[in-house]
Amino acid sequence: PTPRDDEVLIEVHGSSVNPVDWKILEEPLFAGLLFPRTIGFDVAGVVAGVGKNCHRLKTGDKVWADVAGSLLTKRGGAYAQYVVAKESSVGLMPTGMSFLEAATLPLVGLTSLQAWRKGGAPWDPSSNKSVIITSGSGGTGFVGLQLAKRMGAGHVATACSAKNFDYCKENGADQVVDYHTTNIIDTFGNDTVDVVYDNYGAPGTADKAMRVLKPGGTLVIIMGQLSKHPKPGVSQYSILTDSSHYEDLDELRSYNVTASVEECFDLTQVASAFNVSMSGGVRGKLGICPDCSVCAST
């Protein structure tokens, strides 16, 4: 593709799988999209060209982005060798990180960053904020745990399967429960939690969260149903990731979040990667690369 005046052309070295990547193929919410189109939200790669109005980035820069704006306007997604994106949405990639690692972070990183900011982050560590993230081992989960700690939370609680307890603790969780047997919200008393970040979306979570949230607390849900019985003094938000500002990627980079890649698939294996993602239980992220051996290098 040829970049427009405000766009950069990125040679794709890595992408990844997010549930939204396959949901747009099957859910009525996205029925307005016209196909065929190239899909894939996350990208890490090298700037191969710039539009005449682009002055911040230059050819050869290593970059990362969530190219939702390009995909949804039919400019194309990141499951390709090249993709275009508005310069204003593309950030410089973290140094010392492979293309594969960087490619797994933009969408989940921006989502969790923006969720915690809705809850008042970054927090003063002395305030000892108590926060819950409802699912800890998936994409938004492991990044959300890291960000919660780096943004100043005092007590971070989450749920996952028993086999992932250590994984969640390594990523910053102070308290972990097995979601098969325990609802994480039920482990807290009334008015004891500052922020509940529901990145899982189980029915009834919003109403259940109201009991434990303090007056002045916040409930943040990813595109979910808000409480029909909100507690006075509690704020609640249903968020959709805003990937249009490179400054958010710069902030994400400043927190030194680490990637977690369970498996890498090449461009001929996207359907297989989707099947793995749809089956559930992925720890961290799945990578998509034109060449997995190349994108795993720094």
Protein backbone atom coordinates (compact mmCIF):
# COMPACT_ATOMS: atom_id res chain seq x y z
CA PRO A 1 0.00 0.00 0.00
CA THR A 2 1.04 3.60 -0.56
CA PRO A 3 0.98 5.82 2.54
CA ARG A 4 -1.20 8.92 2.42
CA ASP A 5 0.21 12.28 3.45
CA ASP A 6 -0.37 11.64 7.18
CA GLU A 7 0.51 7.93 7.12
CA VAL A 8 3.61 5.78 7.44
CA LEU A 9 4.27 2.50 5.66
CA ILE A 10 5.40 -0.24 8.03
CA GLU A 11 7.21 -3.40 6.99
CA VAL A 12 5.57 -5.94 9.29
CA HIS A 13 7.92 -8.05 11.37
CA GLY A 14 5.33 -9.21 13.88
CA SER A 15 1.67 -9.19 14.88
CA SER A 16 -0.44 -11.18 17.32
CA VAL A 17 -3.85 -12.67 18.05
CA ASN A 18 -6.44 -10.82 20.11
CA PRO A 19 -9.98 -12.18 20.51
CA VAL A 20 -11.29 -9.20 18.55
CA ASP A 21 -9.27 -10.41 15.55
CA TRP A 22 -11.53 -13.43 15.11
CA LYS A 23 -14.66 -11.92 16.64
CA ILE A 24 -14.91 -9.43 13.78
CA LEU A 25 -15.42 -12.42 11.50
CA GLU A 26 -18.43 -13.78 13.33
CA GLU A 27 -20.15 -11.34 15.68
CA PRO A 28 -23.13 -9.16 14.69
CA LEU A 29 -21.42 -6.15 16.32
CA PHE A 30 -19.06 -6.07 13.37
CA ALA A 31 -21.61 -6.98 10.70
CA GLY A 32 -21.17 -3.57 9.07
CA LEU A 33 -17.62 -4.38 8.03
CA LEU A 34 -17.17 -5.21 4.39
CA PHE A 35 -15.02 -8.14 3.37
CA PRO A 36 -12.62 -9.11 1.97
CA ARG A 37 -10.14 -7.07 3.98
CA THR A 38 -6.80 -7.76 5.65
CA ILE A 39 -7.19 -8.21 9.40
CA GLY A 40 -4.84 -8.03 12.40
CA PHE A 41 -4.69 -5.19 14.93
CA ASP A 42 -1.20 -5.38 16.46
CA VAL A 43 1.99 -4.59 14.58
CA ALA A 44 5.69 -4.21 15.20
CA GLY A 45 8.05 -3.52 12.36
CA VAL A 46 10.21 -1.03 10.53
CA VAL A 47 9.12 2.20 8.86
CA ALA A 48 9.56 1.67 5.11
CA GLY A 49 8.12 5.00 3.92
CA VAL A 50 6.44 8.17 5.17
CA GLY A 51 3.83 10.56 3.82
CA LYS A 52 4.84 14.12 3.03
CA ASN A 53 3.23 15.49 6.20
CA CYS A 54 5.02 13.05 8.53
CA HIS A 55 7.96 14.56 10.39
CA ARG A 56 8.26 12.61 13.67
CA LEU A 57 9.06 9.17 12.28
CA LYS A 58 11.60 8.33 9.59
CA THR A 59 12.47 5.38 7.38
CA GLY A 60 14.26 2.69 9.38
CA ASP A 61 12.62 3.45 12.73
CA LYS A 62 11.50 0.39 14.70
CA VAL A 63 7.86 0.97 15.64
CA TRP A 64 4.78 -0.59 17.19
CA ALA A 65 1.07 0.20 16.95
CA ASP A 66 -2.50 -0.99 17.14
CA VAL A 67 -3.67 -0.37 13.58
CA ALA A 68 -7.40 -0.51 14.33
CA GLY A 69 -7.91 2.75 12.46
CA SER A 70 -6.43 1.31 9.27
CA LEU A 71 -8.22 -2.01 9.54
CA LEU A 72 -11.66 -0.60 10.26
CA THR A 73 -11.42 1.91 7.39
CA LYS A 74 -10.33 -0.86 5.00
CA ARG A 75 -6.77 0.46 4.67
CA GLY A 76 -5.69 -2.98 5.83
CA GLY A 77 -4.60 -4.84 8.95
CA ALA A 78 -1.29 -6.26 10.14
CA TYR A 79 -1.54 -9.87 8.95
CA ALA A 80 0.52 -8.90 5.96
CA GLN A 81 4.04 -8.00 4.88
CA TYR A 82 3.25 -4.28 4.89
CA VAL A 83 0.62 -2.08 6.54
CA VAL A 84 -0.09 1.65 6.57
CA ALA A 85 -1.11 3.64 9.66
CA LYS A 86 -1.51 7.25 10.64
CA GLU A 87 1.78 8.54 12.00
CA SER A 88 -0.09 9.93 15.00
CA SER A 89 -0.99 6.37 16.08
CA VAL A 90 2.49 4.82 15.70
CA GLY A 91 5.07 4.80 18.48
CA LEU A 92 8.73 3.95 18.71
CA MET A 93 9.18 0.34 19.81
CA PRO A 94 10.76 -0.43 23.21
CA THR A 95 14.49 -0.95 22.91
CA GLY A 96 15.82 -4.41 23.71
CA MET A 97 12.53 -6.07 22.80
CA SER A 98 12.10 -8.42 19.85
CA PHE A 99 9.60 -7.63 17.13
CA LEU A 100 7.57 -10.65 18.25
CA GLU A 101 7.43 -9.42 21.85
CA ALA A 102 6.58 -5.85 20.88
CA ALA A 103 3.91 -7.02 18.46
CA THR A 104 1.94 -8.75 21.21
CA LEU A 105 1.55 -5.67 23.42
CA PRO A 106 -0.10 -2.65 21.74
CA LEU A 107 -3.81 -3.54 21.92
CA VAL A 108 -3.76 -5.30 25.30
CA GLY A 109 -1.32 -2.77 26.71
CA LEU A 110 -3.34 0.24 25.63
CA THR A 111 -6.55 -1.37 26.86
CA SER A 112 -5.21 -2.03 30.36
CA LEU A 113 -3.39 1.30 30.54
CA GLN A 114 -6.58 3.17 29.71
CA ALA A 115 -8.62 1.02 32.09
CA TRP A 116 -6.38 1.78 35.07
CA ARG A 117 -6.30 5.47 34.15
CA LYS A 118 -10.11 5.48 34.35
CA GLY A 119 -9.59 4.23 37.90
CA GLY A 120 -7.31 7.15 38.75
CA ALA A 121 -3.89 5.66 37.94
CA PRO A 122 -1.10 6.36 38.31
CA TRP A 123 -1.66 6.29 42.06
CA ASP A 124 0.45 7.54 44.92
CA PRO A 125 1.94 4.30 46.35
CA SER A 126 1.29 5.59 49.86
CA SER A 127 -2.47 5.48 49.15
CA ASN A 128 -2.24 1.66 49.10
CA LYS A 129 -4.95 1.22 46.48
CA SER A 130 -6.70 -2.15 46.38
CA VAL A 131 -7.59 -3.29 42.86
CA ILE A 132 -9.11 -6.35 41.19
CA ILE A 133 -8.58 -7.52 37.63
CA THR A 134 -11.03 -10.32 37.01
CA SER A 135 -8.85 -12.45 34.72
CA GLY A 136 -5.09 -12.50 35.16
CA SER A 137 -3.46 -14.90 32.72
CA GLY A 138 -4.68 -13.78 29.30
CA GLY A 139 -3.57 -10.85 27.17
CA THR A 140 -5.14 -7.91 28.99
CA GLY A 141 -4.61 -9.84 32.24
CA PHE A 142 -0.87 -10.32 32.44
CA VAL A 143 -0.28 -6.79 31.14
CA GLY A 144 -2.93 -5.40 33.48
CA LEU A 145 -1.22 -7.00 36.47
CA GLN A 146 2.15 -5.52 35.56
CA LEU A 147 0.68 -2.09 34.95
CA ALA A 148 -1.30 -2.08 38.19
CA LYS A 149 1.89 -2.53 40.19
CA ARG A 150 3.95 -0.14 38.09
CA MET A 151 1.23 2.49 38.33
CA GLY A 152 1.25 2.39 42.12
CA ALA A 153 -1.40 -0.10 43.32
CA GLY A 154 -0.80 -1.54 46.78
CA HIS A 155 -2.83 -4.77 46.60
CA VAL A 156 -3.55 -6.45 43.26
CA ALA A 157 -5.97 -9.39 43.13
CA THR A 158 -6.96 -11.61 40.23
CA ALA A 159 -8.36 -14.97 39.18
CA CYS A 160 -7.01 -17.68 36.87
CA SER A 161 -6.75 -21.45 36.71
CA ALA A 162 -4.64 -23.11 39.40
CA LYS A 163 -1.84 -23.93 36.95
CA ASN A 164 -1.32 -20.19 36.35
CA PHE A 165 -1.06 -19.02 39.97
CA ASP A 166 2.71 -18.57 39.83
CA TYR A 167 2.48 -16.90 36.43
CA CYS A 168 0.06 -14.28 37.74
CA LYS A 169 2.17 -13.67 40.83
CA GLU A 170 5.26 -13.22 38.66
CA ASN A 171 3.36 -10.55 36.76
CA GLY A 172 2.41 -8.63 39.90
CA ALA A 173 -0.58 -10.27 41.59
CA ASP A 174 -0.59 -10.26 45.38
CA GLN A 175 -3.72 -12.42 45.66
CA VAL A 176 -4.81 -15.13 43.21
CA VAL A 177 -7.82 -17.43 43.30
CA ASP A 178 -8.92 -20.31 41.09
CA TYR A 179 -11.88 -19.06 39.08
CA HIS A 180 -13.19 -22.64 38.82
CA THR A 181 -13.99 -22.64 42.54
CA THR A 182 -14.00 -19.03 43.71
CA ASN A 183 -15.25 -15.68 42.47
CA ILE A 184 -12.48 -13.18 43.22
CA ILE A 185 -15.01 -10.50 44.20
CA ASP A 186 -16.50 -12.76 46.88
CA THR A 187 -13.17 -12.76 48.74
CA PHE A 188 -13.48 -9.06 49.60
CA GLY A 189 -15.58 -7.37 52.25
CA ASN A 190 -18.00 -4.51 51.71
CA ASP A 191 -16.43 -1.19 50.67
CA THR A 192 -12.85 -2.50 50.55
CA VAL A 193 -11.80 -2.15 46.87
CA ASP A 194 -10.81 1.00 44.99
CA VAL A 195 -10.97 -0.28 41.40
CA VAL A 196 -12.49 -3.33 39.73
CA TYR A 197 -11.23 -3.86 36.18
CA ASP A 198 -13.43 -6.47 34.53
CA ASN A 199 -11.50 -7.76 31.53
CA TYR A 200 -13.41 -11.06 31.43
CA GLY A 201 -17.06 -10.06 31.22
CA ALA A 202 -18.92 -12.76 33.14
CA PRO A 203 -22.64 -11.93 33.44
CA GLY A 204 -23.50 -10.14 36.67
CA THR A 205 -19.96 -8.99 37.46
CA ALA A 206 -20.85 -5.29 37.42
CA ASP A 207 -23.65 -5.66 39.96
CA LYS A 208 -21.56 -7.98 42.11
CA ALA A 209 -18.68 -5.49 42.11
CA MET A 210 -20.78 -2.72 43.62
CA ARG A 211 -20.77 -4.40 47.04
CA VAL A 212 -17.00 -4.37 47.40
CA LEU A 213 -16.25 -1.02 45.79
CA LYS A 214 -15.61 1.87 48.12
CA PRO A 215 -17.58 5.11 47.73
CA GLY A 216 -15.40 7.00 45.28
CA GLY A 217 -14.29 3.73 43.69
CA THR A 218 -14.40 2.79 40.03
CA LEU A 219 -15.65 -0.10 37.90
CA VAL A 220 -14.12 -0.43 34.43
CA ILE A 221 -15.41 -2.99 31.92
CA ILE A 222 -14.17 -3.77 28.41
CA MET A 223 -17.20 -3.17 26.18
CA GLY A 224 -19.50 -4.80 28.73
CA GLN A 225 -22.77 -4.32 30.58
CA LEU A 226 -22.60 -1.74 33.35
CA SER A 227 -24.37 -2.23 36.66
CA LYS A 228 -28.10 -1.59 36.66
CA HIS A 229 -27.87 -0.90 40.39
CA PRO A 230 -24.82 1.34 40.81
CA LYS A 231 -23.69 2.30 44.28
CA PRO A 232 -23.86 6.02 45.06
CA GLY A 233 -20.43 7.56 44.69
CA VAL A 234 -19.07 4.77 42.48
CA SER A 235 -18.09 5.59 38.89
CA GLN A 236 -18.48 2.97 36.16
CA TYR A 237 -17.19 2.90 32.61
CA SER A 238 -17.47 0.60 29.61
CA ILE A 239 -14.38 1.27 27.50
CA LEU A 240 -13.28 0.72 23.93
CA THR A 241 -9.55 0.96 23.32
CA ASP A 242 -8.38 4.24 21.79
CA SER A 243 -5.29 3.47 19.71
CA SER A 244 -5.08 6.80 17.90
CA HIS A 245 -2.44 8.53 20.04
CA TYR A 246 1.22 7.49 19.99
CA GLU A 247 1.66 9.26 23.34
CA ASP A 248 -0.23 6.39 24.98
CA LEU A 249 2.22 3.91 23.47
CA ASP A 250 5.08 6.05 24.79
CA GLU A 251 3.52 5.93 28.26
CA LEU A 252 3.09 2.16 27.98
CA ARG A 253 6.75 1.87 26.98
CA SER A 254 7.78 3.92 30.03
CA TYR A 255 6.37 1.27 32.39
CA ASN A 256 8.76 -1.38 31.03
CA VAL A 257 6.05 -3.99 30.56
CA THR A 258 7.39 -7.39 29.56
CA ALA A 259 5.81 -9.60 26.91
CA SER A 260 4.58 -13.18 27.28
CA VAL A 261 4.34 -15.21 24.07
CA GLU A 262 3.01 -18.74 24.31
CA GLU A 263 3.45 -19.64 20.64
CA CYS A 264 4.24 -18.05 17.26
CA PHE A 265 2.43 -18.78 13.98
CA ASP A 266 3.40 -17.64 10.49
CA LEU A 267 1.01 -15.96 8.07
CA THR A 268 -0.07 -19.27 6.57
CA GLN A 269 -1.18 -20.48 10.02
CA VAL A 270 -3.54 -17.68 11.07
CA ALA A 271 -6.55 -20.02 11.06
CA SER A 272 -4.71 -22.43 13.37
CA ALA A 273 -3.79 -19.57 15.68
CA PHE A 274 -7.43 -18.45 15.79
CA ASN A 275 -8.52 -21.99 16.69
CA VAL A 276 -6.07 -22.04 19.59
CA SER A 277 -7.28 -18.65 20.79
CA MET A 278 -10.95 -19.60 20.45
CA SER A 279 -10.41 -22.76 22.49
CA GLY A 280 -9.47 -20.61 25.49
CA GLY A 281 -6.76 -21.02 28.07
CA VAL A 282 -3.97 -19.17 26.25
CA ARG A 283 -1.41 -17.86 28.73
CA GLY A 284 -0.21 -14.48 27.56
CA LYS A 285 -0.40 -14.00 23.80
CA LEU A 286 -0.06 -15.82 20.48
CA GLY A 287 2.26 -14.26 17.90
CA ILE A 288 1.69 -13.93 14.15
CA CYS A 289 4.77 -13.27 12.02
CA PRO A 290 5.77 -13.37 8.36
CA ASP A 291 8.75 -15.41 9.62
CA CYS A 292 8.75 -16.50 13.27
CA SER A 293 12.53 -17.04 13.33
CA VAL A 294 13.11 -13.45 12.22
CA CYS A 295 10.52 -11.67 14.35
CA ALA A 296 11.81 -13.35 17.52
CA SER A 297 15.14 -11.52 17.14
CA THR A 298 15.77 -8.02 18.45
